[in-house]
Amino acid sequence: MATLAELANLRTDLDPDAIDHLQRFLGSWSLMADLSFSDLLLLVPLPSSNAPAAFVVVGQIRPNNCPTRLTHDLVGQTLERGGQEPTQPGRSERWELNSAPFSPTLRIESFPVSFEGRQIATVLRLTGGLQHTVSLYEQLYTDAYSRLARMVKEGAFPFADADVYVEGSPRVGDGVIVVDGAIQLEFASPNAATALHRLGIFSPPEGRYLDELSSDLDVVSRALEVVEPLVAEVGRRSEVAVLIQAIPLVAAGEVTGAIVLVRDVTDVRRLDRLVLSKDTAIREVHHRVKNNLQTISSLLSLQARRVTGHEGRSALLEAERRVRSIALVHEVLSREPNDQVPFDDIITSLVAMAQDSVVTDQAVEIIVNGDLGEVDAEIATPLAVALAELLQNAVEHAFARPDAAVEVDGHWVIRHEELRGKVQIDLANDGSGIEVVITDNGRGLPEDFSIQTTTSLGLSIVRDLLQSQLGGTIDMQRNVTGLGGGTIARFTVPLSQDR
């Protein structure tokens, strides 16, 4: 379905400012549909080269508090006015939809949408066809709708700098209060009265002034002062929370009152607190797991210092590094305990860990291109371990000479080939899977190397994590085009749930 902007640009002569005004109107007119218990259509006239009374439907909305009169979406279709434009407000009109008339049981009224002193669109209100007794509150709601319709005609609604409906705002069905320009209550719906009871206001509110009822309702007077909608949440300690939105009513440039929507959000805020408590608990769990893993990592590092043989010390340091890479994931989750993990933060730490973990007699440059964005938490840990192993393998072995390991002042130093070591990591995430390519310009792989048959513990761990646990693929081969040879390690991991 085309958007309002697309339809207006393709089929009408409206300028960008007028289109923006209609966009704001569409963001606010749900209030009018609910107050009038009506379906509303927004029409823009077609250029004069077309039929003089032809319009394109650029917006349609159904009421939230009663059944709809229109079962089909009419946006993008053409409407033509039948007969003369009515001279009396509220009089039913005859309109035809693509040469087919509306149901004869529908009552259709219209009013113009004005912007900067000119009419840019028309609103149709569709009523009738539903048999029911009109209550007193429906009459009061319809009167409030008529006051908003006048604002639309005068160009005062929608408001230039604020939308009526934002996420979480109260709606007509939650509770409606109408006040005059002196903030004296004209009427309050039953749901609104119930919400006021939650605030400790039990006396009949009609005819009273808001500032007499409660100082917590000062958001209404502030909205009338600035002449734009304002929202505030008030309550009694932490037991009750009521959301209040005040929408000024203006006529001929004068503030004549306000529509006040109220919603009891006590249960919503209680659930919010429960979710916050749950998130805090999850963060604490990840924080403690991270601390425990870091303790294990430190113990392995201490034990490695006591081992005199190079092979035993290397094995302990490799185990320490693997534990540390898992701890990195829990560190990120301790900050944001979501189902999605921002993996770029982990990659930055993995690169720093790889650069610091091996002492060489020549630096190795690590370059990262692209990003993986956010990945599922269940993928993050094995993915981090696999990346850490491949990075460590490149930094530690790709540039090592055959007589690599020597001990200098109690530390093992990897003797380096006479070339500038470079490791490049290319990352990609297309939404359905991720791909990681690690390229180095080191010594390269043996002629008979195969990732499927390798006896290397680190590469075996990588293979099993990627293929068995993540359902991905991995391939390692010689980089024949690289400076001084080298290795290309490429692996992919699907992001679907059926790995």
Protein backbone atom coordinates (compact mmCIF):
# COMPACT_ATOMS: atom_id res chain seq x y z
CA MET A 1 0.00 0.00 0.00
CA ALA A 2 1.35 3.42 -0.95
CA THR A 3 2.10 5.96 1.76
CA LEU A 4 0.47 9.37 2.01
CA ALA A 5 3.62 11.07 0.75
CA GLU A 6 3.87 8.71 -2.24
CA LEU A 7 0.21 9.20 -3.21
CA ALA A 8 0.39 12.97 -2.77
CA ASN A 9 3.58 13.30 -4.82
CA LEU A 10 2.32 11.06 -7.62
CA ARG A 11 -1.29 12.16 -7.94
CA THR A 12 -1.72 15.64 -6.44
CA ASP A 13 -0.22 19.12 -6.58
CA LEU A 14 0.46 19.43 -2.85
CA ASP A 15 3.75 21.05 -1.83
CA PRO A 16 6.09 19.37 0.71
CA ASP A 17 4.96 21.59 3.61
CA ALA A 18 1.31 20.71 3.02
CA ILE A 19 2.19 17.01 2.83
CA ASP A 20 4.05 17.29 6.15
CA HIS A 21 0.95 18.90 7.69
CA LEU A 22 -1.20 15.97 6.52
CA GLN A 23 1.37 13.50 7.86
CA ARG A 24 1.06 15.11 11.30
CA PHE A 25 -2.72 14.98 10.97
CA LEU A 26 -2.61 11.23 10.31
CA GLY A 27 -0.52 10.88 13.48
CA SER A 28 -3.24 12.54 15.55
CA TRP A 29 -6.64 11.85 14.00
CA SER A 30 -7.23 8.57 15.84
CA LEU A 31 -8.49 10.80 18.65
CA MET A 32 -11.15 12.22 16.32
CA ALA A 33 -12.25 8.78 15.10
CA ASP A 34 -12.75 7.59 18.67
CA LEU A 35 -14.56 10.71 19.83
CA SER A 36 -16.94 10.60 16.84
CA PHE A 37 -17.40 6.79 16.87
CA SER A 38 -16.82 7.01 13.13
CA ASP A 39 -14.65 5.84 10.27
CA LEU A 40 -12.71 8.75 8.80
CA LEU A 41 -11.26 9.18 5.32
CA LEU A 42 -8.70 11.79 4.33
CA LEU A 43 -9.08 13.03 0.74
CA VAL A 44 -6.81 15.22 -1.38
CA PRO A 45 -8.20 16.83 -4.55
CA LEU A 46 -6.82 15.63 -7.85
CA PRO A 47 -5.30 18.23 -10.20
CA SER A 48 -7.71 20.46 -12.10
CA SER A 49 -7.09 18.46 -15.31
CA ASN A 50 -9.19 15.70 -13.74
CA ALA A 51 -12.83 15.83 -12.77
CA PRO A 52 -13.42 19.01 -10.71
CA ALA A 53 -14.89 17.07 -7.77
CA ALA A 54 -12.47 14.11 -7.83
CA PHE A 55 -10.31 13.19 -4.83
CA VAL A 56 -7.76 10.51 -3.98
CA VAL A 57 -8.04 8.76 -0.60
CA VAL A 58 -4.69 9.22 1.18
CA GLY A 59 -5.72 8.12 4.67
CA GLN A 60 -8.27 5.92 6.42
CA ILE A 61 -8.82 5.19 10.10
CA ARG A 62 -11.32 3.10 12.04
CA PRO A 63 -12.54 3.84 15.57
CA ASN A 64 -11.15 1.78 18.44
CA ASN A 65 -14.36 1.93 20.48
CA CYS A 66 -17.05 0.75 18.05
CA PRO A 67 -17.45 -1.45 14.94
CA THR A 68 -16.20 -0.14 11.61
CA ARG A 69 -18.49 0.84 8.74
CA LEU A 70 -15.85 0.06 6.12
CA THR A 71 -14.50 -3.46 5.79
CA HIS A 72 -12.11 -2.62 2.93
CA ASP A 73 -9.16 -0.26 2.77
CA LEU A 74 -9.83 2.59 0.37
CA VAL A 75 -6.40 4.28 0.41
CA GLY A 76 -5.29 5.00 -3.15
CA GLN A 77 -8.79 4.89 -4.62
CA THR A 78 -10.65 7.79 -6.20
CA LEU A 79 -13.80 9.40 -4.76
CA GLU A 80 -16.17 11.76 -6.58
CA ARG A 81 -18.69 14.05 -4.95
CA GLY A 82 -22.24 13.48 -6.07
CA GLY A 83 -24.41 16.55 -6.37
CA GLN A 84 -23.68 19.98 -4.88
CA GLU A 85 -21.52 20.63 -1.83
CA PRO A 86 -23.88 21.00 1.16
CA THR A 87 -24.39 24.49 2.56
CA GLN A 88 -25.44 23.36 6.05
CA PRO A 89 -22.88 21.87 8.42
CA GLY A 90 -23.61 18.28 9.45
CA ARG A 91 -25.84 17.61 6.46
CA SER A 92 -25.30 14.23 4.81
CA GLU A 93 -23.56 14.23 1.44
CA ARG A 94 -23.46 11.87 -1.52
CA TRP A 95 -20.07 10.50 -2.58
CA GLU A 96 -19.19 7.85 -5.13
CA LEU A 97 -16.25 5.47 -4.94
CA ASN A 98 -14.76 4.82 -8.39
CA SER A 99 -18.24 5.33 -9.85
CA ALA A 100 -19.77 2.90 -7.31
CA PRO A 101 -21.86 4.53 -4.53
CA PHE A 102 -21.35 3.88 -0.84
CA SER A 103 -23.93 1.87 1.04
CA PRO A 104 -27.16 3.88 1.19
CA THR A 105 -27.30 3.34 4.97
CA LEU A 106 -24.12 5.36 5.49
CA ARG A 107 -24.34 8.96 6.51
CA ILE A 108 -21.42 10.99 5.14
CA GLU A 109 -20.32 14.40 6.39
CA SER A 110 -17.22 16.36 5.46
CA PHE A 111 -15.08 19.24 6.65
CA PRO A 112 -11.95 20.83 5.18
CA VAL A 113 -8.34 20.51 6.33
CA SER A 114 -6.69 23.93 6.28
CA PHE A 115 -3.02 24.83 6.22
CA GLU A 116 -1.58 28.34 6.06
CA GLY A 117 -4.96 29.79 5.17
CA ARG A 118 -5.78 27.40 2.31
CA GLN A 119 -7.77 24.20 2.05
CA ILE A 120 -5.48 21.27 1.19
CA ALA A 121 -7.67 18.25 1.94
CA THR A 122 -11.08 17.04 3.06
CA VAL A 123 -12.09 14.69 5.87
CA LEU A 124 -15.12 12.42 5.44
CA ARG A 125 -16.90 11.16 8.53
CA LEU A 126 -18.90 7.99 7.94
CA THR A 127 -21.70 7.19 10.41
CA GLY A 128 -25.02 5.38 10.39
CA GLY A 129 -25.71 1.81 9.41
CA LEU A 130 -25.42 0.62 13.03
CA GLN A 131 -28.60 0.65 15.08
CA HIS A 132 -28.11 1.62 18.73
CA THR A 133 -29.33 4.14 21.25
CA VAL A 134 -27.12 7.23 21.49
CA SER A 135 -26.06 7.77 25.11
CA LEU A 136 -25.39 11.05 26.85
CA TYR A 137 -21.66 10.35 26.85
CA GLU A 138 -21.67 9.72 23.10
CA GLN A 139 -23.28 13.12 22.61
CA LEU A 140 -20.60 14.72 24.80
CA TYR A 141 -17.86 12.87 22.92
CA THR A 142 -19.30 14.03 19.60
CA ASP A 143 -19.32 17.62 20.83
CA ALA A 144 -15.60 17.31 21.66
CA TYR A 145 -15.03 15.88 18.18
CA SER A 146 -16.82 18.88 16.64
CA ARG A 147 -14.51 21.25 18.51
CA LEU A 148 -11.48 19.38 17.12
CA ALA A 149 -13.00 19.45 13.63
CA ARG A 150 -13.27 23.23 13.90
CA MET A 151 -9.59 23.38 14.81
CA VAL A 152 -8.80 21.34 11.69
CA LYS A 153 -10.81 23.77 9.56
CA GLU A 154 -8.94 26.72 11.09
CA GLY A 155 -5.53 25.06 10.70
CA ALA A 156 -4.94 24.78 14.47
CA PHE A 157 -5.00 20.97 14.48
CA PRO A 158 -2.74 19.03 14.21
CA PHE A 159 -0.33 20.90 16.44
CA ALA A 160 2.80 22.04 14.65
CA ASP A 161 5.34 20.87 17.22
CA ALA A 162 3.72 17.90 18.96
CA ASP A 163 1.80 14.75 18.10
CA VAL A 164 -1.29 13.82 20.07
CA TYR A 165 -0.57 10.12 20.08
CA VAL A 166 2.85 8.84 21.04
CA GLU A 167 3.68 5.36 22.27
CA GLY A 168 1.86 4.59 25.51
CA SER A 169 -0.41 7.65 25.40
CA PRO A 170 -3.94 7.30 26.82
CA ARG A 171 -6.79 6.77 24.39
CA VAL A 172 -10.43 7.77 24.44
CA GLY A 173 -11.49 4.37 25.74
CA ASP A 174 -9.20 4.73 28.75
CA GLY A 175 -11.02 7.81 30.04
CA VAL A 176 -11.98 11.30 28.84
CA ILE A 177 -12.34 14.58 30.71
CA VAL A 178 -13.34 17.87 29.06
CA VAL A 179 -12.57 21.17 30.77
CA ASP A 180 -13.30 24.75 29.76
CA GLY A 181 -10.80 27.57 29.44
CA ALA A 182 -10.83 28.13 33.22
CA ILE A 183 -10.05 24.41 33.77
CA GLN A 184 -13.52 23.74 35.12
CA LEU A 185 -14.74 20.21 34.40
CA GLU A 186 -17.56 19.97 31.89
CA PHE A 187 -17.77 16.20 32.06
CA ALA A 188 -15.75 13.08 32.91
CA SER A 189 -16.38 9.63 31.45
CA PRO A 190 -16.93 6.69 33.84
CA ASN A 191 -13.42 5.33 33.14
CA ALA A 192 -11.97 8.78 33.84
CA ALA A 193 -13.85 8.97 37.13
CA THR A 194 -12.45 5.57 38.10
CA ALA A 195 -8.93 6.76 37.35
CA LEU A 196 -9.53 9.85 39.51
CA HIS A 197 -10.69 7.54 42.31
CA ARG A 198 -7.28 5.86 42.15
CA LEU A 199 -5.78 9.30 42.85
CA GLY A 200 -7.99 9.75 45.90
CA ILE A 201 -10.58 12.01 44.21
CA PHE A 202 -13.99 10.56 45.15
CA SER A 203 -16.35 13.54 44.97
CA PRO A 204 -18.26 14.10 41.68
CA PRO A 205 -15.81 16.02 39.46
CA GLU A 206 -18.29 17.80 37.16
CA GLY A 207 -18.42 21.51 37.79
CA ARG A 208 -15.25 21.45 39.93
CA TYR A 209 -11.94 23.11 39.04
CA LEU A 210 -9.00 20.81 38.47
CA ASP A 211 -6.72 22.68 40.84
CA GLU A 212 -9.33 22.15 43.56
CA LEU A 213 -9.37 18.42 42.96
CA SER A 214 -5.62 17.78 43.03
CA SER A 215 -2.36 19.65 42.53
CA ASP A 216 -1.10 16.61 40.59
CA LEU A 217 -3.31 17.67 37.65
CA ASP A 218 -1.35 20.84 36.89
CA VAL A 219 -0.28 19.33 33.54
CA VAL A 220 -3.64 20.55 32.17
CA SER A 221 -3.01 24.21 33.06
CA ARG A 222 0.52 23.95 31.64
CA ALA A 223 -0.85 22.55 28.37
CA LEU A 224 -3.27 25.45 28.08
CA GLU A 225 -0.45 27.92 28.71
CA VAL A 226 1.84 26.54 25.98
CA VAL A 227 -1.09 25.54 23.70
CA GLU A 228 0.25 22.10 22.87
CA PRO A 229 -0.42 18.56 24.13
CA LEU A 230 1.44 17.55 27.30
CA VAL A 231 1.69 14.18 29.03
CA ALA A 232 2.47 13.53 32.69
CA GLU A 233 2.33 10.55 35.00
CA VAL A 234 0.99 11.14 38.49
CA GLY A 235 0.38 8.78 41.36
CA ARG A 236 0.14 8.12 45.05
CA ARG A 237 3.52 6.87 46.22
CA SER A 238 4.47 3.72 44.31
CA GLU A 239 1.03 2.14 44.65
CA VAL A 240 -0.89 4.01 41.94
CA ALA A 241 0.16 5.45 38.57
CA VAL A 242 -2.16 7.40 36.27
CA LEU A 243 -1.10 8.76 32.88
CA ILE A 244 -2.66 12.12 31.97
CA GLN A 245 -2.56 13.82 28.58
CA ALA A 246 -4.01 17.29 28.08
CA ILE A 247 -4.91 18.41 24.53
CA PRO A 248 -5.85 22.10 24.23
CA LEU A 249 -9.00 23.14 22.37
CA VAL A 250 -8.73 26.33 20.34
CA ALA A 251 -11.37 28.38 18.53
CA ALA A 252 -10.65 31.52 16.52
CA GLY A 253 -7.19 31.69 18.09
CA GLU A 254 -8.49 31.55 21.68
CA VAL A 255 -7.98 28.60 24.05
CA THR A 256 -11.46 27.41 24.98
CA GLY A 257 -10.64 24.34 27.03
CA ALA A 258 -8.96 20.97 26.80
CA ILE A 259 -9.61 17.31 26.21
CA VAL A 260 -7.90 15.35 28.98
CA LEU A 261 -7.24 11.66 28.41
CA VAL A 262 -6.48 9.57 31.49
CA ARG A 263 -5.25 6.01 31.80
CA ASP A 264 -4.66 3.93 34.91
CA VAL A 265 -1.21 2.41 34.30
CA THR A 266 -0.70 0.99 37.79
CA ASP A 267 -0.54 -2.60 36.59
CA VAL A 268 1.70 -1.64 33.67
CA ARG A 269 4.19 0.07 35.98
CA ARG A 270 4.11 -2.91 38.35
CA LEU A 271 5.02 -5.18 35.44
CA ASP A 272 7.74 -2.73 34.40
CA ARG A 273 9.24 -2.98 37.87
CA LEU A 274 9.11 -6.77 37.72
CA VAL A 275 10.85 -6.77 34.34
CA LEU A 276 13.45 -4.35 35.65
CA SER A 277 14.05 -6.59 38.65
CA LYS A 278 14.38 -9.59 36.34
CA ASP A 279 16.85 -7.75 34.11
CA THR A 280 18.85 -6.71 37.16
CA ALA A 281 18.96 -10.31 38.37
CA ILE A 282 20.09 -11.55 34.96
CA ARG A 283 22.80 -8.92 34.79
CA GLU A 284 23.97 -9.94 38.25
CA VAL A 285 24.14 -13.60 37.19
CA HIS A 286 26.23 -12.77 34.12
CA HIS A 287 28.44 -10.50 36.23
CA ARG A 288 29.09 -13.27 38.74
CA VAL A 289 29.75 -15.82 35.99
CA LYS A 290 32.19 -13.38 34.41
CA ASN A 291 33.96 -12.89 37.74
CA ASN A 292 34.17 -16.64 38.33
CA LEU A 293 35.59 -17.22 34.86
CA GLN A 294 38.13 -14.47 35.39
CA THR A 295 39.13 -16.11 38.68
CA ILE A 296 39.62 -19.44 36.88
CA SER A 297 41.60 -17.62 34.19
CA SER A 298 43.87 -16.06 36.82
CA LEU A 299 44.41 -19.44 38.53
CA LEU A 300 45.39 -21.03 35.21
CA SER A 301 47.79 -18.18 34.52
CA LEU A 302 49.37 -18.56 37.97
CA GLN A 303 49.71 -22.29 37.47
CA ALA A 304 51.33 -21.74 34.08
CA ARG A 305 54.05 -19.64 35.69
CA ARG A 306 54.98 -22.55 37.97
CA VAL A 307 55.33 -25.02 35.10
CA THR A 308 58.90 -25.21 33.79
CA GLY A 309 58.32 -27.07 30.53
CA HIS A 310 57.24 -25.08 27.47
CA GLU A 311 54.61 -27.62 26.40
CA GLY A 312 52.86 -27.72 29.77
CA ARG A 313 52.97 -23.97 30.14
CA SER A 314 51.54 -23.45 26.63
CA ALA A 315 48.68 -25.86 27.34
CA LEU A 316 47.72 -23.98 30.52
CA LEU A 317 47.95 -20.59 28.81
CA GLU A 318 45.74 -21.82 25.96
CA ALA A 319 43.15 -23.02 28.47
CA GLU A 320 43.38 -19.67 30.26
CA ARG A 321 42.79 -17.81 26.99
CA ARG A 322 39.73 -19.91 26.13
CA VAL A 323 38.20 -19.24 29.52
CA ARG A 324 38.92 -15.53 29.10
CA SER A 325 37.18 -15.42 25.70
CA ILE A 326 34.04 -16.92 27.27
CA ALA A 327 34.26 -14.35 30.08
CA LEU A 328 34.19 -11.57 27.46
CA VAL A 329 30.72 -12.65 26.34
CA HIS A 330 29.38 -12.67 29.90
CA GLU A 331 30.91 -9.25 30.47
CA VAL A 332 28.85 -7.86 27.59
CA LEU A 333 25.73 -9.69 28.80
CA SER A 334 26.22 -8.30 32.29
CA ARG A 335 25.75 -4.82 30.79
CA GLU A 336 22.87 -5.68 28.46
CA PRO A 337 21.08 -8.93 29.36
CA ASN A 338 19.22 -9.17 26.06
CA ASP A 339 18.64 -11.99 23.61
CA GLN A 340 20.88 -10.11 21.19
CA VAL A 341 24.56 -9.42 21.88
CA PRO A 342 26.44 -6.51 20.23
CA PHE A 343 29.28 -8.68 18.96
CA ASP A 344 31.48 -5.80 17.80
CA ASP A 345 32.33 -5.09 21.46
CA ILE A 346 33.49 -8.69 21.83
CA ILE A 347 35.58 -8.57 18.65
CA THR A 348 37.43 -5.50 19.90
CA SER A 349 38.34 -7.32 23.11
CA LEU A 350 39.32 -10.51 21.23
CA VAL A 351 41.69 -8.55 18.99
CA ALA A 352 43.29 -6.86 22.00
CA MET A 353 43.63 -10.22 23.75
CA ALA A 354 45.28 -11.81 20.70
CA GLN A 355 47.76 -8.95 20.39
CA ASP A 356 48.72 -9.11 24.06
CA SER A 357 48.77 -12.86 24.63
CA VAL A 358 51.83 -13.76 22.55
CA VAL A 359 55.17 -12.04 22.96
CA THR A 360 57.01 -11.82 19.63
CA ASP A 361 60.16 -10.12 18.48
CA GLN A 362 58.14 -8.26 15.83
CA ALA A 363 54.65 -6.74 16.00
CA VAL A 364 51.69 -8.28 14.17
CA GLU A 365 49.09 -5.85 12.79
CA ILE A 366 45.42 -6.91 13.06
CA ILE A 367 42.90 -5.13 10.82
CA VAL A 368 39.12 -5.51 11.15
CA ASN A 369 36.77 -4.75 8.23
CA GLY A 370 32.97 -4.81 8.46
CA ASP A 371 30.91 -5.85 11.46
CA LEU A 372 28.59 -8.61 12.63
CA GLY A 373 26.11 -6.34 14.41
CA GLU A 374 23.99 -8.13 17.01
CA VAL A 375 23.84 -11.93 17.26
CA ASP A 376 21.83 -14.30 19.44
CA ALA A 377 23.25 -14.78 22.92
CA GLU A 378 23.35 -18.55 22.38
CA ILE A 379 25.61 -18.03 19.34
CA ALA A 380 27.89 -15.45 20.94
CA THR A 381 29.89 -17.75 23.26
CA PRO A 382 30.92 -20.48 20.77
CA LEU A 383 31.48 -17.81 18.13
CA ALA A 384 33.80 -15.87 20.45
CA VAL A 385 35.79 -19.00 21.31
CA ALA A 386 36.16 -19.94 17.63
CA LEU A 387 37.29 -16.44 16.68
CA ALA A 388 39.75 -16.32 19.57
CA GLU A 389 41.28 -19.66 18.52
CA LEU A 390 41.70 -18.65 14.87
CA LEU A 391 43.17 -15.27 15.80
CA GLN A 392 45.55 -16.87 18.25
CA ASN A 393 46.53 -19.48 15.68
CA ALA A 394 47.33 -16.75 13.15
CA VAL A 395 49.27 -14.54 15.55
CA GLU A 396 51.17 -17.33 17.24
CA HIS A 397 51.94 -19.75 14.42
CA ALA A 398 51.62 -17.93 11.07
CA PHE A 399 54.81 -15.94 11.54
CA ALA A 400 56.79 -18.25 13.85
CA ARG A 401 60.12 -19.63 12.69
CA PRO A 402 60.85 -23.35 13.05
CA ASP A 403 62.93 -22.60 16.13
CA ALA A 404 60.09 -20.40 17.35
CA ALA A 405 60.02 -20.68 21.12
CA VAL A 406 62.90 -19.35 23.17
CA GLU A 407 62.96 -18.31 26.82
CA VAL A 408 64.11 -14.78 27.59
CA ASP A 409 64.17 -13.57 31.20
CA GLY A 410 61.66 -16.21 32.27
CA HIS A 411 59.23 -15.50 29.41
CA TRP A 412 58.67 -17.46 26.23
CA VAL A 413 59.21 -15.37 23.11
CA ILE A 414 58.06 -16.42 19.62
CA ARG A 415 60.84 -15.75 17.12
CA HIS A 416 59.36 -14.03 14.11
CA GLU A 417 59.84 -14.39 10.39
CA GLU A 418 61.51 -11.43 8.66
CA LEU A 419 58.35 -9.84 7.26
CA ARG A 420 55.71 -7.40 8.44
CA GLY A 421 53.03 -9.56 10.04
CA LYS A 422 49.47 -8.72 9.02
CA VAL A 423 46.17 -10.37 9.96
CA GLN A 424 42.94 -9.14 8.35
CA ILE A 425 39.46 -9.98 9.64
CA ASP A 426 36.53 -9.45 7.24
CA LEU A 427 33.07 -9.63 8.83
CA ALA A 428 29.64 -9.76 7.20
CA ASN A 429 26.08 -10.29 8.43
CA ASP A 430 23.26 -10.37 5.84
CA GLY A 431 20.51 -11.15 8.35
CA SER A 432 20.29 -14.85 7.47
CA GLY A 433 23.88 -15.79 8.30
CA ILE A 434 27.28 -14.44 9.21
CA GLU A 435 30.60 -14.91 7.41
CA VAL A 436 34.05 -14.37 8.87
CA VAL A 437 37.26 -14.46 6.82
CA ILE A 438 40.64 -14.31 8.57
CA THR A 439 43.60 -13.78 6.24
CA ASP A 440 47.28 -13.62 7.17
CA ASN A 441 50.49 -13.24 5.18
CA GLY A 442 52.45 -15.73 7.22
CA ARG A 443 54.10 -19.09 6.50
CA GLY A 444 50.95 -20.79 5.26
CA LEU A 445 49.54 -24.25 5.89
CA PRO A 446 51.27 -27.57 5.23
CA GLU A 447 50.58 -29.12 1.83
CA ASP A 448 48.50 -31.97 3.27
CA PHE A 449 46.55 -29.87 5.81
CA SER A 450 42.82 -30.53 6.26
CA ILE A 451 40.64 -28.92 8.90
CA GLN A 452 38.56 -32.12 9.02
CA THR A 453 41.51 -34.34 9.97
CA THR A 454 43.75 -31.93 11.90
CA THR A 455 45.14 -33.08 15.23
CA SER A 456 45.58 -29.54 16.53
CA LEU A 457 43.54 -29.16 19.71
CA GLY A 458 42.70 -25.50 19.03
CA LEU A 459 41.57 -26.08 15.43
CA SER A 460 39.64 -29.21 16.48
CA ILE A 461 37.76 -27.09 19.01
CA VAL A 462 37.00 -24.51 16.30
CA ARG A 463 35.77 -27.18 13.87
CA ASP A 464 33.50 -28.83 16.42
CA LEU A 465 32.05 -25.55 17.67
CA LEU A 466 31.27 -24.24 14.19
CA GLN A 467 30.03 -27.45 12.58
CA SER A 468 28.42 -29.39 15.42
CA GLN A 469 27.16 -26.67 17.76
CA LEU A 470 26.43 -23.81 15.35
CA GLY A 471 25.61 -25.78 12.20
CA GLY A 472 28.09 -23.77 10.16
CA THR A 473 30.97 -24.49 7.81
CA ILE A 474 34.71 -23.82 7.97
CA ASP A 475 37.47 -23.98 5.38
CA MET A 476 41.18 -23.24 5.70
CA GLN A 477 43.56 -23.04 2.75
CA ARG A 478 46.84 -21.52 1.63
CA ASN A 479 46.73 -17.89 0.54
CA VAL A 480 48.75 -18.16 -2.64
CA THR A 481 48.30 -14.48 -3.46
CA GLY A 482 49.37 -13.16 -0.09
CA LEU A 483 52.63 -11.47 0.65
CA GLY A 484 54.99 -14.26 1.70
CA GLY A 485 52.23 -16.84 1.32
CA GLY A 486 49.74 -17.08 4.16
CA THR A 487 46.46 -18.65 5.20
CA ILE A 488 42.79 -17.94 4.57
CA ALA A 489 40.33 -19.22 7.19
CA ARG A 490 36.68 -18.76 6.21
CA PHE A 491 33.66 -19.84 8.20
CA THR A 492 29.92 -19.22 8.03
CA VAL A 493 27.20 -19.59 10.65
CA PRO A 494 23.44 -19.55 9.92
CA LEU A 495 21.28 -17.29 12.07
CA SER A 496 18.04 -19.25 11.68
CA GLN A 497 16.58 -21.15 14.57
CA ASP A 498 16.80 -24.57 12.83
CA ARG A 499 20.57 -24.85 12.93
